[in-house]
Amino acid sequence: MSQVFLYDTTLRDGTQREDISLSVDDKLLIAKRLADFGFHYIEGGWPGSNPKDAEFFARAAKLDLGSTKLAAFGRTRQKHLQCEQDANLQALLDAATPVVTMVGKSSDYHVKVVLSSTLEENLAMIRDSVGFIKSHGREVMFDAEHFFDAFISNRDYALASLKTAADAGADWLVLCETNGGKLPWEIEEIVREVRKSITKPLGVHCHNDSGCGVANSLAAVRGGCTQVQGTINGYGERVGNANLTTIIPNLQLKMNKPVVTPAQLRELTSLAHYVAEVVNLKHYNHAPYIGHSAFAHKGGIHVAAVLKASDSYQHIDPALVGNEMRAIVSELSGRGNIQLRAQELGIDLNNEDAQHVLNQIKQLEHEGFTFEAAEASVELMLHRLRPEYKQPFELVDYSVIAERRQGHGMLSEAKVKVKVNGEEKFVVAEGNGPVNALSTALRSALASAYPVLKTVCLIDYKVRILDSANGTSAQIRVLITFQGGGHVWTTVGASTNIIDASWRALSDSLEFALVKLIVTPEQDSSR
């Protein structure tokens, strides 16, 4: 069985996504994490195109990447120019990487129309450039741009571009599905045809414009490719590149082609989230294998089944890729959803209590609440069922005013009275809005009993009108997200009154903070 090699191009092709821009430090962090994961090749960038990539390669030379090989990316020489005179080729050598990946034309159409050259000159550019870089002792990969389109329109010339690169010493011939429009059976058939006349190792580089980037990459492996190029989370130009976080487990778990160790595969989910954090993009929750919802079960029948046999509604054990099974609690839930969630929290819940929580959730969702995105609200319900649980505070009353004062603009003021350990606390606070004023007042009222609340902060506030046809009397849903102590949590409130909906979500969030961080005032070690 031929080994399949993994080639990551997140740091070059991935950064061509329109909302990604990485600093040199960002690229170094990602490169080190990719190497630790076990990638065979990491493409660091195009040193001849910008100063940032040139700096990256200079600093990356000091990184310990283990057995991972770093590649610099560039193009074949310019037409009518000698290799020694080509600044791009010189930059590739100056990058001092063990691997150089060079893109060249394989399509007669692109040679004539885009390159404005002759077919003979393009082959000379490939031959000279590959030979030049190879003569300096580098491993060379030739990326045959638009290869699959080229093979269909002019098979002989497409193959001639590969053979020219191979004869010049290229170590890998990478078949690029540049426009992302081909389908899996086309890819597999063409790779098999290429394999008949080309003996050098083949790689594949797919884009995802038709939604087939992953499928096309797997089809290429079936056809005979032994290197797969792609990006973490599928980042890339237009709609993206082939997603390696899906390709890797499919190769290893579905196609029996080990590409990393089992221990490394268990780091896949954390790797995907890490890269998303560094590039400053929200991770896609519904991504296969590594998404937060990839092994989440909402339907009651499903949860009842997975409680008995986890593989009944899961195609793999999520632990294999570092993910975990979750039960989503909603109006579609059964008792099993509630009991599984309680089990995860270490709470022993009998059928009667589980049914009580389930009935409460279904009624509240009928009133406009939603608990899929507000798991902290569900967790609070479960904690409140514990015989030893004592709510850390109790609302007595509150009031909020908002007014515009001449010369001062808008002013919001909140008055909150709560009971903590039998003692009433009354606080008045101002804010830049009614919810901010409420939050400030409540936290001030609780501060002396629970100093740990000073360490939590509100990071998101969402409002949704549920029945807009009712105008100003419409039902309002509020989701509030806090963070603190290494946790992030969301709670929900719903009402026809936006202040009341906000209060319910806000008070639950602060109670949840105390459940997570201290539980009771006596246990607050920060006092």
Protein backbone atom coordinates (compact mmCIF):
# COMPACT_ATOMS: atom_id res chain seq x y z
CA MET A 1 0.00 0.00 0.00
CA SER A 2 1.53 3.34 -1.12
CA GLN A 3 1.95 5.99 1.54
CA VAL A 4 -0.03 9.19 1.02
CA PHE A 5 1.85 12.39 1.86
CA LEU A 6 0.12 15.48 3.29
CA TYR A 7 0.99 18.90 1.88
CA ASP A 8 -0.49 21.93 3.65
CA THR A 9 -0.77 25.24 1.83
CA THR A 10 -2.76 27.22 4.43
CA LEU A 11 0.06 29.74 4.75
CA ARG A 12 0.04 30.50 1.03
CA ASP A 13 -3.14 29.44 -0.75
CA GLY A 14 -5.22 29.71 2.42
CA THR A 15 -4.26 33.36 2.89
CA GLN A 16 -5.73 34.14 -0.53
CA ARG A 17 -9.16 34.03 1.09
CA GLU A 18 -10.42 37.61 1.00
CA ASP A 19 -10.89 38.01 4.79
CA ILE A 20 -7.60 36.47 5.94
CA SER A 21 -4.40 38.42 6.51
CA LEU A 22 -1.63 36.85 8.59
CA SER A 23 1.35 38.52 10.19
CA VAL A 24 4.74 36.82 10.07
CA ASP A 25 4.29 35.84 13.71
CA ASP A 26 0.90 34.30 12.89
CA LYS A 27 2.44 32.25 10.09
CA LEU A 28 5.24 31.01 12.31
CA LEU A 29 2.77 29.91 15.00
CA ILE A 30 0.65 28.00 12.48
CA ALA A 31 3.72 26.42 10.83
CA LYS A 32 4.94 25.07 14.16
CA ARG A 33 1.49 23.68 15.00
CA LEU A 34 1.18 22.02 11.58
CA ALA A 35 4.60 20.41 11.97
CA ASP A 36 3.73 19.14 15.45
CA PHE A 37 0.57 17.60 14.01
CA GLY A 38 2.60 15.60 11.51
CA PHE A 39 2.30 17.21 8.07
CA HIS A 40 4.94 15.98 5.65
CA TYR A 41 5.14 19.30 3.78
CA ILE A 42 4.20 22.87 4.69
CA GLU A 43 4.10 25.51 1.99
CA GLY A 44 5.14 28.75 3.67
CA GLY A 45 4.42 31.32 0.98
CA TRP A 46 5.75 32.98 -2.15
CA PRO A 47 9.05 34.69 -1.25
CA GLY A 48 9.31 36.46 -4.59
CA SER A 49 5.93 38.17 -4.26
CA ASN A 50 6.14 40.21 -1.02
CA PRO A 51 8.52 41.18 1.81
CA LYS A 52 6.36 39.45 4.44
CA ASP A 53 6.90 36.00 2.95
CA ALA A 54 10.62 36.66 2.50
CA GLU A 55 10.83 37.53 6.23
CA PHE A 56 8.82 34.44 7.11
CA PHE A 57 11.32 32.12 5.43
CA ALA A 58 14.26 33.88 7.07
CA ARG A 59 12.71 33.39 10.52
CA ALA A 60 11.27 29.94 9.79
CA ALA A 61 14.80 28.63 9.24
CA LYS A 62 15.20 28.82 13.03
CA LEU A 63 12.07 26.77 13.74
CA ASP A 64 12.33 23.14 14.80
CA LEU A 65 9.88 21.49 12.40
CA GLY A 66 11.09 17.96 13.04
CA SER A 67 10.74 15.78 9.97
CA THR A 68 8.35 18.22 8.28
CA LYS A 69 9.74 19.83 5.13
CA LEU A 70 9.14 23.50 4.44
CA ALA A 71 8.38 24.50 0.85
CA ALA A 72 8.72 27.86 -0.88
CA PHE A 73 6.28 28.55 -3.73
CA GLY A 74 6.94 30.31 -7.02
CA ARG A 75 6.52 30.11 -10.78
CA THR A 76 8.56 29.04 -13.75
CA ARG A 77 10.87 31.64 -15.29
CA GLN A 78 9.49 34.47 -17.30
CA LYS A 79 9.44 34.02 -21.05
CA HIS A 80 12.52 35.25 -22.94
CA LEU A 81 14.47 35.43 -19.67
CA GLN A 82 17.32 33.25 -18.44
CA CYS A 83 16.84 31.51 -15.09
CA GLU A 84 19.89 33.27 -13.61
CA GLN A 85 18.24 36.61 -14.43
CA ASP A 86 14.82 35.75 -13.00
CA ALA A 87 14.22 37.48 -9.64
CA ASN A 88 11.46 35.03 -8.72
CA LEU A 89 13.70 31.99 -9.08
CA GLN A 90 16.47 33.74 -7.15
CA ALA A 91 14.02 34.48 -4.32
CA LEU A 92 13.11 30.79 -4.20
CA LEU A 93 16.76 29.88 -3.77
CA ASP A 94 17.27 32.64 -1.17
CA ALA A 95 14.40 31.20 0.90
CA ALA A 96 16.77 28.27 1.56
CA THR A 97 13.97 25.72 1.95
CA PRO A 98 14.55 22.02 1.29
CA VAL A 99 11.57 22.00 -1.07
CA VAL A 100 10.57 24.33 -3.90
CA THR A 101 7.12 24.15 -5.45
CA MET A 102 6.85 25.72 -8.86
CA VAL A 103 3.66 26.42 -10.78
CA GLY A 104 3.67 26.24 -14.57
CA LYS A 105 1.17 26.14 -17.42
CA SER A 106 -0.13 22.81 -18.65
CA SER A 107 -3.02 24.21 -20.71
CA ASP A 108 -2.45 25.23 -24.32
CA TYR A 109 -5.29 27.74 -23.91
CA HIS A 110 -3.60 29.45 -20.96
CA VAL A 111 -0.22 29.44 -22.68
CA LYS A 112 -1.63 31.23 -25.74
CA VAL A 113 -4.22 33.54 -24.15
CA VAL A 114 -2.99 34.23 -20.59
CA LEU A 115 0.77 33.80 -20.95
CA SER A 116 0.79 35.16 -24.53
CA SER A 117 3.51 32.73 -25.46
CA THR A 118 4.08 29.71 -27.65
CA LEU A 119 3.63 26.10 -26.65
CA GLU A 120 7.33 25.43 -27.26
CA GLU A 121 8.47 28.38 -25.16
CA ASN A 122 6.27 27.29 -22.24
CA LEU A 123 7.82 23.82 -22.24
CA ALA A 124 11.27 25.43 -22.30
CA MET A 125 10.28 27.58 -19.30
CA ILE A 126 9.25 24.44 -17.39
CA ARG A 127 12.39 22.52 -18.37
CA ASP A 128 14.80 25.33 -17.58
CA SER A 129 13.19 26.33 -14.27
CA VAL A 130 12.89 22.83 -12.85
CA GLY A 131 16.42 22.00 -13.93
CA PHE A 132 17.79 25.23 -12.47
CA ILE A 133 16.26 24.72 -9.02
CA LYS A 134 17.11 21.01 -9.06
CA SER A 135 20.76 21.81 -9.82
CA HIS A 136 20.88 23.63 -6.47
CA GLY A 137 19.98 20.45 -4.58
CA ARG A 138 16.33 21.18 -3.80
CA GLU A 139 13.39 18.77 -3.86
CA VAL A 140 11.20 20.12 -6.65
CA MET A 141 7.45 19.91 -7.05
CA PHE A 142 5.93 20.96 -10.34
CA ASP A 143 2.35 22.25 -9.98
CA ALA A 144 0.67 21.71 -13.34
CA GLU A 145 -1.87 24.54 -13.29
CA HIS A 146 -5.35 23.87 -14.74
CA PHE A 147 -4.22 20.34 -15.49
CA PHE A 148 -7.61 18.60 -15.63
CA ASP A 149 -9.10 21.20 -17.98
CA ALA A 150 -5.89 21.01 -20.00
CA PHE A 151 -6.05 17.20 -20.25
CA ILE A 152 -9.60 17.34 -21.61
CA SER A 153 -8.87 20.05 -24.19
CA ASN A 154 -5.42 18.90 -25.32
CA ARG A 155 -4.31 15.65 -23.72
CA ASP A 156 -0.98 15.43 -25.53
CA TYR A 157 0.18 18.91 -24.48
CA ALA A 158 -0.95 18.47 -20.87
CA LEU A 159 1.07 15.26 -20.64
CA ALA A 160 4.01 16.93 -22.41
CA SER A 161 4.16 19.55 -19.64
CA LEU A 162 4.42 16.77 -17.04
CA LYS A 163 7.00 14.81 -18.98
CA THR A 164 9.10 17.93 -19.51
CA ALA A 165 9.14 18.63 -15.76
CA ALA A 166 9.88 14.97 -14.99
CA ASP A 167 12.76 14.82 -17.48
CA ALA A 168 14.21 18.01 -15.95
CA GLY A 169 14.35 16.33 -12.54
CA ALA A 170 11.05 17.20 -10.79
CA ASP A 171 10.48 14.93 -7.79
CA TRP A 172 6.69 15.39 -7.74
CA LEU A 173 4.17 16.21 -10.45
CA VAL A 174 1.11 17.87 -8.89
CA LEU A 175 -2.11 17.84 -10.90
CA CYS A 176 -4.00 21.06 -10.14
CA GLU A 177 -7.78 21.32 -10.40
CA THR A 178 -7.42 25.07 -10.40
CA ASN A 179 -10.95 26.24 -11.28
CA GLY A 180 -12.61 23.76 -8.91
CA GLY A 181 -15.27 22.71 -11.40
CA LYS A 182 -14.59 19.04 -12.03
CA LEU A 183 -16.46 16.08 -10.54
CA PRO A 184 -14.93 13.08 -8.73
CA TRP A 185 -15.34 10.49 -11.48
CA GLU A 186 -13.64 12.83 -13.98
CA ILE A 187 -10.72 13.33 -11.60
CA GLU A 188 -10.21 9.62 -10.90
CA GLU A 189 -10.40 8.67 -14.57
CA ILE A 190 -7.90 11.32 -15.65
CA VAL A 191 -5.44 10.45 -12.88
CA ARG A 192 -5.58 6.78 -13.91
CA GLU A 193 -4.83 7.79 -17.51
CA VAL A 194 -1.88 9.96 -16.42
CA ARG A 195 -0.55 7.16 -14.24
CA LYS A 196 -0.26 4.93 -17.34
CA SER A 197 2.34 7.17 -18.96
CA ILE A 198 3.98 8.99 -16.02
CA THR A 199 6.17 7.14 -13.53
CA LYS A 200 7.06 10.05 -11.24
CA PRO A 201 4.99 10.40 -8.02
CA LEU A 202 1.76 12.35 -8.51
CA GLY A 203 0.10 14.85 -6.22
CA VAL A 204 -3.27 16.58 -6.42
CA HIS A 205 -4.29 20.15 -5.63
CA CYS A 206 -8.04 20.81 -5.69
CA HIS A 207 -10.23 23.85 -5.22
CA ASN A 208 -13.80 23.68 -3.96
CA ASP A 209 -15.80 25.82 -6.39
CA SER A 210 -18.26 23.00 -7.17
CA GLY A 211 -18.29 21.76 -3.57
CA CYS A 212 -16.24 18.71 -4.55
CA GLY A 213 -12.77 19.67 -3.31
CA VAL A 214 -12.61 16.89 -0.72
CA ALA A 215 -14.29 14.28 -2.93
CA ASN A 216 -12.03 15.14 -5.86
CA SER A 217 -8.92 14.79 -3.69
CA LEU A 218 -10.02 11.37 -2.46
CA ALA A 219 -10.87 10.33 -6.04
CA ALA A 220 -7.38 11.39 -7.11
CA VAL A 221 -5.87 9.15 -4.43
CA ARG A 222 -7.99 6.26 -5.72
CA GLY A 223 -6.65 7.04 -9.19
CA GLY A 224 -3.02 6.92 -8.11
CA CYS A 225 -1.95 10.20 -6.48
CA THR A 226 0.22 9.76 -3.40
CA GLN A 227 0.32 13.39 -2.27
CA VAL A 228 -2.71 15.51 -1.32
CA GLN A 229 -2.54 19.29 -1.07
CA GLY A 230 -5.08 21.40 0.77
CA THR A 231 -5.66 23.82 3.62
CA ILE A 232 -6.87 23.70 7.21
CA ASN A 233 -10.62 24.37 7.38
CA GLY A 234 -10.68 24.67 3.58
CA TYR A 235 -9.48 28.29 3.59
CA GLY A 236 -8.57 29.63 0.17
CA GLU A 237 -9.37 31.85 -2.76
CA ARG A 238 -13.00 32.18 -3.91
CA VAL A 239 -14.91 29.46 -2.03
CA GLY A 240 -11.75 27.78 -0.78
CA ASN A 241 -9.38 24.85 -1.21
CA ALA A 242 -9.84 21.17 -0.48
CA ASN A 243 -10.33 20.89 3.28
CA LEU A 244 -7.60 18.83 4.92
CA THR A 245 -9.52 18.50 8.19
CA THR A 246 -12.01 16.36 6.25
CA ILE A 247 -9.54 14.70 3.88
CA ILE A 248 -7.20 13.44 6.62
CA PRO A 249 -9.73 11.41 8.64
CA ASN A 250 -11.34 10.14 5.44
CA LEU A 251 -7.98 8.85 4.22
CA GLN A 252 -7.06 7.32 7.54
CA LEU A 253 -10.38 6.05 8.89
CA LYS A 254 -12.34 5.35 5.71
CA MET A 255 -9.74 4.46 3.09
CA ASN A 256 -7.26 2.69 5.38
CA LYS A 257 -4.39 4.96 4.34
CA PRO A 258 -2.56 6.05 7.52
CA VAL A 259 -1.15 9.54 7.10
CA VAL A 260 -0.50 10.46 10.75
CA THR A 261 -0.30 8.53 14.01
CA PRO A 262 -3.52 7.87 15.97
CA ALA A 263 -2.27 10.27 18.66
CA GLN A 264 -1.76 12.99 16.05
CA LEU A 265 -5.19 12.36 14.56
CA ARG A 266 -6.70 12.99 18.00
CA GLU A 267 -5.27 16.52 17.76
CA LEU A 268 -7.21 17.28 14.56
CA THR A 269 -10.11 19.10 16.20
CA SER A 270 -7.88 21.27 18.36
CA LEU A 271 -5.67 22.04 15.32
CA ALA A 272 -8.67 23.22 13.31
CA HIS A 273 -9.86 25.46 16.15
CA TYR A 274 -6.33 26.78 16.75
CA VAL A 275 -5.89 27.87 13.14
CA ALA A 276 -9.35 29.48 13.13
CA GLU A 277 -8.36 31.50 16.20
CA VAL A 278 -5.06 32.66 14.69
CA VAL A 279 -6.67 33.72 11.38
CA ASN A 280 -9.43 35.40 13.45
CA LEU A 281 -12.38 33.62 11.86
CA LYS A 282 -15.28 31.95 13.61
CA HIS A 283 -14.94 28.21 13.38
CA TYR A 284 -17.67 26.51 11.34
CA ASN A 285 -19.66 24.50 13.88
CA HIS A 286 -21.06 22.08 11.31
CA ALA A 287 -17.76 21.06 9.72
CA PRO A 288 -17.42 17.26 9.32
CA TYR A 289 -15.35 15.52 11.98
CA ILE A 290 -14.07 18.65 13.78
CA GLY A 291 -17.14 20.90 14.08
CA HIS A 292 -18.78 21.55 17.45
CA SER A 293 -21.98 20.01 16.03
CA ALA A 294 -20.33 17.12 14.17
CA PHE A 295 -21.40 14.62 16.84
CA ALA A 296 -24.28 16.56 18.38
CA HIS A 297 -27.64 14.83 18.68
CA LYS A 298 -30.90 16.73 18.90
CA GLY A 299 -33.72 14.31 18.09
CA GLY A 300 -34.95 12.35 21.08
CA ILE A 301 -34.97 9.06 19.17
CA HIS A 302 -31.34 9.58 18.17
CA VAL A 303 -30.19 10.32 21.72
CA ALA A 304 -32.10 7.37 23.14
CA ALA A 305 -30.27 5.18 20.62
CA VAL A 306 -26.75 6.53 21.18
CA LEU A 307 -27.18 6.10 24.93
CA LYS A 308 -27.55 2.38 24.24
CA ALA A 309 -25.07 2.12 21.36
CA SER A 310 -22.96 5.15 20.45
CA ASP A 311 -22.38 3.94 16.89
CA SER A 312 -26.11 3.78 16.12
CA TYR A 313 -26.13 7.40 14.89
CA GLN A 314 -22.40 8.13 14.58
CA HIS A 315 -20.13 7.06 11.74
CA ILE A 316 -16.98 7.05 13.93
CA ASP A 317 -15.99 7.40 17.56
CA PRO A 318 -15.54 11.21 17.87
CA ALA A 319 -12.58 10.70 20.21
CA LEU A 320 -10.56 9.44 17.22
CA VAL A 321 -10.38 13.02 15.90
CA GLY A 322 -10.38 14.73 19.30
CA ASN A 323 -14.06 15.64 19.26
CA GLU A 324 -16.88 14.55 21.56
CA MET A 325 -20.52 13.50 21.46
CA ARG A 326 -23.07 16.07 22.66
CA ALA A 327 -26.79 16.04 23.32
CA ILE A 328 -28.64 19.14 22.10
CA VAL A 329 -31.52 20.13 24.34
CA SER A 330 -34.56 21.61 22.61
CA GLU A 331 -38.27 21.05 22.12
CA LEU A 332 -37.33 18.07 19.93
CA SER A 333 -35.53 16.38 22.82
CA GLY A 334 -36.45 13.25 24.66
CA ARG A 335 -35.57 12.34 28.25
CA GLY A 336 -32.35 10.80 26.95
CA ASN A 337 -31.06 14.23 25.83
CA ILE A 338 -31.57 15.59 29.33
CA GLN A 339 -30.08 12.56 31.07
CA LEU A 340 -27.02 12.53 28.79
CA ARG A 341 -26.39 16.22 29.45
CA ALA A 342 -26.77 15.66 33.19
CA GLN A 343 -24.41 12.70 32.98
CA GLU A 344 -21.79 14.91 31.33
CA LEU A 345 -22.10 17.29 34.31
CA GLY A 346 -21.83 14.52 36.88
CA ILE A 347 -25.46 14.96 37.95
CA ASP A 348 -27.50 11.84 38.68
CA LEU A 349 -30.94 12.47 37.19
CA ASN A 350 -33.86 10.08 37.52
CA ASN A 351 -36.58 9.73 34.90
CA GLU A 352 -39.03 11.92 36.80
CA ASP A 353 -36.59 14.83 37.13
CA ALA A 354 -35.50 14.46 33.51
CA GLN A 355 -39.13 14.62 32.39
CA HIS A 356 -39.68 17.70 34.56
CA VAL A 357 -36.76 19.54 32.90
CA LEU A 358 -37.89 18.38 29.46
CA ASN A 359 -41.44 19.66 30.03
CA GLN A 360 -40.06 22.97 31.27
CA ILE A 361 -37.85 23.34 28.18
CA LYS A 362 -40.67 22.53 25.78
CA GLN A 363 -42.94 25.08 27.46
CA LEU A 364 -40.27 27.77 27.46
CA GLU A 365 -39.42 27.17 23.80
CA HIS A 366 -43.11 27.52 23.03
CA GLU A 367 -42.89 30.94 24.72
CA GLY A 368 -39.92 31.97 22.56
CA PHE A 369 -36.85 30.65 24.38
CA THR A 370 -34.23 28.62 22.53
CA PHE A 371 -31.70 26.41 24.27
CA GLU A 372 -29.57 25.10 21.41
CA ALA A 373 -27.33 28.17 21.60
CA ALA A 374 -27.84 28.68 25.35
CA GLU A 375 -26.50 25.53 26.96
CA ALA A 376 -25.69 27.40 30.19
CA SER A 377 -29.41 27.97 30.76
CA VAL A 378 -30.03 24.22 30.47
CA GLU A 379 -27.13 23.43 32.78
CA LEU A 380 -28.58 25.81 35.37
CA MET A 381 -31.90 23.96 35.26
CA LEU A 382 -30.08 20.72 35.97
CA HIS A 383 -28.02 22.17 38.81
CA ARG A 384 -31.18 23.58 40.41
CA LEU A 385 -32.55 20.04 40.66
CA ARG A 386 -29.70 18.94 42.94
CA PRO A 387 -30.99 18.67 46.54
CA GLU A 388 -27.94 20.49 47.91
CA TYR A 389 -28.11 23.34 45.41
CA LYS A 390 -28.78 26.81 46.80
CA GLN A 391 -29.35 29.72 44.45
CA PRO A 392 -26.62 32.28 45.15
CA PHE A 393 -28.97 35.28 44.99
CA GLU A 394 -32.66 36.07 44.69
CA LEU A 395 -34.23 38.97 42.84
CA VAL A 396 -36.48 41.20 44.91
CA ASP A 397 -37.18 43.85 42.28
CA TYR A 398 -35.57 46.08 39.69
CA SER A 399 -36.42 49.17 37.66
CA VAL A 400 -34.82 50.78 34.63
CA ILE A 401 -35.20 54.24 33.17
CA ALA A 402 -33.82 55.64 29.94
CA GLU A 403 -33.97 59.32 29.14
CA ARG A 404 -32.37 61.97 26.97
CA ARG A 405 -31.12 65.00 28.88
CA GLN A 406 -30.25 68.22 27.11
CA GLY A 407 -26.52 68.63 26.93
CA HIS A 408 -25.90 65.12 28.25
CA GLY A 409 -27.41 62.86 25.58
CA MET A 410 -28.90 59.49 26.51
CA LEU A 411 -28.78 58.28 30.10
CA SER A 412 -29.81 54.86 31.43
CA GLU A 413 -30.21 54.13 35.11
CA ALA A 414 -31.03 50.83 36.80
CA LYS A 415 -32.09 50.09 40.38
CA VAL A 416 -31.65 46.50 41.54
CA LYS A 417 -32.62 44.91 44.85
CA VAL A 418 -31.44 41.34 45.46
CA LYS A 419 -31.24 39.06 48.48
CA VAL A 420 -27.90 37.35 49.21
CA ASN A 421 -27.65 35.05 52.25
CA GLY A 422 -30.83 36.58 53.65
CA GLU A 423 -29.51 40.14 53.35
CA GLU A 424 -31.03 42.61 50.92
CA LYS A 425 -28.70 44.59 48.68
CA PHE A 426 -29.91 47.72 46.89
CA VAL A 427 -27.79 49.34 44.18
CA VAL A 428 -28.33 52.13 41.67
CA ALA A 429 -26.08 52.26 38.61
CA GLU A 430 -25.84 54.14 35.35
CA GLY A 431 -24.87 52.70 31.97
CA ASN A 432 -24.62 53.51 28.29
CA GLY A 433 -27.84 51.54 27.77
CA PRO A 434 -30.49 49.85 29.91
CA VAL A 435 -28.91 46.39 29.76
CA ASN A 436 -25.47 47.79 30.60
CA ALA A 437 -26.98 49.65 33.55
CA LEU A 438 -28.76 46.48 34.74
CA SER A 439 -25.57 44.45 34.45
CA THR A 440 -23.54 47.05 36.34
CA ALA A 441 -26.14 47.33 39.12
CA LEU A 442 -26.53 43.57 39.58
CA ARG A 443 -22.80 42.90 39.63
CA SER A 444 -22.29 45.75 42.11
CA ALA A 445 -25.00 44.30 44.37
CA LEU A 446 -23.28 40.91 44.34
CA ALA A 447 -19.67 42.13 44.45
CA SER A 448 -19.15 42.04 48.21
CA ALA A 449 -20.45 38.47 48.50
CA TYR A 450 -18.94 37.25 45.24
CA PRO A 451 -15.75 39.20 44.34
CA VAL A 452 -15.04 36.65 41.60
CA LEU A 453 -17.73 38.33 39.46
CA LYS A 454 -15.25 41.17 38.90
CA THR A 455 -13.36 38.78 36.63
CA VAL A 456 -16.26 38.06 34.28
CA CYS A 457 -17.35 40.27 31.41
CA LEU A 458 -20.12 40.42 28.86
CA ILE A 459 -18.81 39.75 25.34
CA ASP A 460 -21.97 39.41 23.22
CA TYR A 461 -25.59 40.50 23.29
CA LYS A 462 -28.08 39.42 20.62
CA VAL A 463 -31.73 40.40 20.20
CA ARG A 464 -34.19 38.71 17.88
CA ILE A 465 -37.80 39.69 17.20
CA LEU A 466 -39.76 36.45 16.92
CA ASP A 467 -43.10 37.61 15.53
CA SER A 468 -42.46 40.90 13.76
CA ALA A 469 -46.04 41.02 12.45
CA ASN A 470 -47.10 42.04 15.97
CA GLY A 471 -45.01 45.21 15.78
CA THR A 472 -43.97 46.70 19.11
CA SER A 473 -45.85 43.99 21.03
CA ALA A 474 -43.77 41.22 19.43
CA GLN A 475 -42.04 38.51 21.44
CA ILE A 476 -38.34 39.26 21.97
CA ARG A 477 -35.55 36.72 22.46
CA VAL A 478 -32.24 37.76 24.03
CA LEU A 479 -29.00 35.76 24.07
CA ILE A 480 -26.23 37.00 26.37
CA THR A 481 -22.68 35.64 26.35
CA PHE A 482 -20.17 36.10 29.18
CA GLN A 483 -16.62 34.91 29.65
CA GLY A 484 -14.48 34.40 32.72
CA GLY A 485 -12.19 31.90 34.38
CA GLY A 486 -11.41 30.24 31.07
CA HIS A 487 -15.09 29.60 30.32
CA VAL A 488 -17.48 31.12 27.77
CA TRP A 489 -21.22 30.64 28.26
CA THR A 490 -24.52 31.81 26.79
CA THR A 491 -27.92 32.17 28.43
CA VAL A 492 -31.33 33.04 27.02
CA GLY A 493 -34.34 35.10 27.99
CA ALA A 494 -37.63 35.76 26.21
CA SER A 495 -40.50 38.16 26.80
CA THR A 496 -42.62 40.77 25.05
CA ASN A 497 -40.53 43.25 27.07
CA ILE A 498 -36.89 43.54 25.93
CA ILE A 499 -35.74 44.62 29.41
CA ASP A 500 -37.39 41.62 31.07
CA ALA A 501 -35.95 39.24 28.44
CA SER A 502 -32.51 40.78 29.00
CA TRP A 503 -32.83 40.50 32.79
CA ARG A 504 -33.65 36.80 32.62
CA ALA A 505 -30.64 36.07 30.44
CA LEU A 506 -28.38 38.38 32.46
CA SER A 507 -29.27 37.02 35.90
CA ASP A 508 -28.91 33.44 34.64
CA SER A 509 -25.47 34.27 33.21
CA LEU A 510 -24.20 35.63 36.51
CA GLU A 511 -25.70 32.71 38.46
CA PHE A 512 -24.02 30.33 36.00
CA ALA A 513 -20.72 32.17 36.56
CA LEU A 514 -21.02 31.45 40.27
CA VAL A 515 -21.88 27.80 39.62
CA LYS A 516 -18.79 27.44 37.44
CA LEU A 517 -16.41 29.51 39.51
CA ILE A 518 -17.38 29.18 43.19
CA VAL A 519 -20.97 27.92 43.91
CA THR A 520 -21.33 29.56 47.36
CA PRO A 521 -19.90 32.67 49.07
CA GLU A 522 -18.17 30.52 51.70
CA GLN A 523 -16.25 28.75 48.91
CA ASP A 524 -15.05 31.99 47.30
CA SER A 525 -11.33 31.80 48.04
CA SER A 526 -10.81 35.28 46.58
CA ARG A 527 -12.51 36.90 49.59
